[in-house]
Amino acid sequence: MGRGPKDIHSFLLNDLLVVRLQGVLTAAEQHLVKSLPSEKGRDLVKQVRRQLIETARPVMEALIQEVTGATVLSLHHDISTVTGEEIVVFTLADSPLVRETKRK
């Protein structure tokens, strides 16, 4: 889309990897949502984002497997045109091994 989100956080919950992206809407998407009837603008933005996710899915799944060592079974995605927040949830075949963080 030409630019990245303002903030990204990931959460590992057993065999679920949740990725929360904030500030993802481009200026063009924000304009689309404001200038069209609310449902039409929202649906158009969601449709484009859904297509982008599906196109990038093989690359994302390979990266997740490389980092976690677990195969991705499914991917779920949604975006809010109100808050500009996007959520991607990966269901993994296994719970990845997690190493403890070193305390200072």
Protein backbone atom coordinates (compact mmCIF):
# COMPACT_ATOMS: atom_id res chain seq x y z
CA MET A 1 0.00 0.00 0.00
CA GLY A 2 3.03 2.26 0.02
CA ARG A 3 3.40 2.77 3.75
CA GLY A 4 3.32 0.79 6.93
CA PRO A 5 1.15 0.91 10.05
CA LYS A 6 1.89 3.33 12.89
CA ASP A 7 2.10 0.52 15.45
CA ILE A 8 2.31 -3.30 15.42
CA HIS A 9 1.96 -5.73 18.32
CA SER A 10 1.88 -9.53 18.24
CA PHE A 11 0.53 -11.91 20.86
CA LEU A 12 1.14 -15.65 21.07
CA LEU A 13 -1.64 -17.55 22.82
CA ASN A 14 -0.86 -21.28 22.68
CA ASP A 15 -1.45 -22.12 18.99
CA LEU A 16 -2.83 -18.68 18.03
CA LEU A 17 -0.70 -15.82 16.80
CA VAL A 18 -2.58 -12.51 16.90
CA VAL A 19 -1.12 -9.51 15.08
CA ARG A 20 -2.64 -6.09 15.79
CA LEU A 21 -1.77 -3.26 13.41
CA GLN A 22 -2.83 0.29 14.24
CA GLY A 23 -2.98 3.29 11.94
CA VAL A 24 -3.13 1.26 8.74
CA LEU A 25 -5.56 3.28 6.61
CA THR A 26 -3.96 5.28 3.83
CA ALA A 27 -5.12 8.83 3.07
CA ALA A 28 -6.88 7.48 -0.03
CA GLU A 29 -8.74 4.85 2.02
CA GLN A 30 -9.78 7.43 4.61
CA HIS A 31 -11.08 9.67 1.84
CA LEU A 32 -12.97 6.76 0.28
CA VAL A 33 -14.66 5.92 3.57
CA LYS A 34 -15.66 9.56 4.15
CA SER A 35 -16.79 10.41 0.60
CA LEU A 36 -18.93 7.34 -0.17
CA PRO A 37 -22.00 6.11 1.71
CA SER A 38 -20.64 4.44 4.86
CA GLU A 39 -21.38 0.82 3.94
CA LYS A 40 -20.08 1.17 0.37
CA GLY A 41 -16.80 2.84 1.39
CA ARG A 42 -16.23 0.37 4.22
CA ASP A 43 -16.97 -2.63 2.02
CA LEU A 44 -14.67 -1.39 -0.74
CA VAL A 45 -11.73 -0.88 1.66
CA LYS A 46 -12.32 -4.29 3.26
CA GLN A 47 -12.51 -5.96 -0.16
CA VAL A 48 -9.18 -4.45 -1.27
CA ARG A 49 -7.47 -5.35 2.03
CA ARG A 50 -8.85 -8.90 1.88
CA GLN A 51 -7.36 -9.29 -1.62
CA LEU A 52 -3.99 -7.92 -0.46
CA ILE A 53 -3.92 -10.39 2.45
CA GLU A 54 -4.78 -13.31 0.16
CA THR A 55 -2.08 -12.28 -2.31
CA ALA A 56 0.55 -11.97 0.44
CA ARG A 57 -0.63 -15.06 2.33
CA PRO A 58 2.04 -17.53 1.08
CA VAL A 59 4.82 -15.11 2.04
CA MET A 60 3.30 -14.40 5.48
CA GLU A 61 2.77 -18.09 6.19
CA ALA A 62 6.39 -18.89 5.25
CA LEU A 63 7.66 -16.11 7.55
CA ILE A 64 5.47 -17.29 10.44
CA GLN A 65 6.69 -20.86 10.00
CA GLU A 66 10.31 -19.70 9.87
CA VAL A 67 9.98 -17.68 13.08
CA THR A 68 7.74 -20.04 15.10
CA GLY A 69 8.68 -23.41 13.65
CA ALA A 70 4.95 -24.19 13.33
CA THR A 71 2.85 -24.64 10.21
CA VAL A 72 0.03 -22.14 9.67
CA LEU A 73 -3.33 -23.92 9.45
CA SER A 74 -5.55 -20.91 8.87
CA LEU A 75 -5.59 -17.15 8.70
CA HIS A 76 -8.36 -14.79 9.78
CA HIS A 77 -8.41 -11.07 9.06
CA ASP A 78 -10.49 -7.95 9.63
CA ILE A 79 -10.03 -4.19 9.49
CA SER A 80 -11.95 -1.32 11.06
CA THR A 81 -12.48 1.70 8.83
CA VAL A 82 -13.51 3.64 11.94
CA THR A 83 -10.40 3.12 14.08
CA GLY A 84 -7.87 2.22 11.36
CA GLU A 85 -7.01 -0.97 13.23
CA GLU A 86 -6.34 -4.27 11.48
CA ILE A 87 -6.21 -7.71 13.09
CA VAL A 88 -4.66 -10.83 11.60
CA VAL A 89 -4.99 -14.14 13.45
CA PHE A 90 -2.94 -17.17 12.48
CA THR A 91 -3.96 -20.62 13.72
CA LEU A 92 -0.83 -22.76 14.06
CA ALA A 93 -0.52 -26.55 13.90
CA ASP A 94 1.35 -26.59 17.22
CA SER A 95 2.13 -24.26 20.07
CA PRO A 96 5.62 -22.92 19.35
CA LEU A 97 8.37 -23.44 21.87
CA VAL A 98 8.89 -20.21 23.75
CA ARG A 99 12.10 -19.29 25.44
CA GLU A 100 12.01 -17.25 28.60
CA THR A 101 13.17 -13.66 28.38
CA LYS A 102 16.25 -12.74 30.34
CA ARG A 103 15.58 -10.45 33.24
CA LYS A 104 17.99 -7.61 33.79
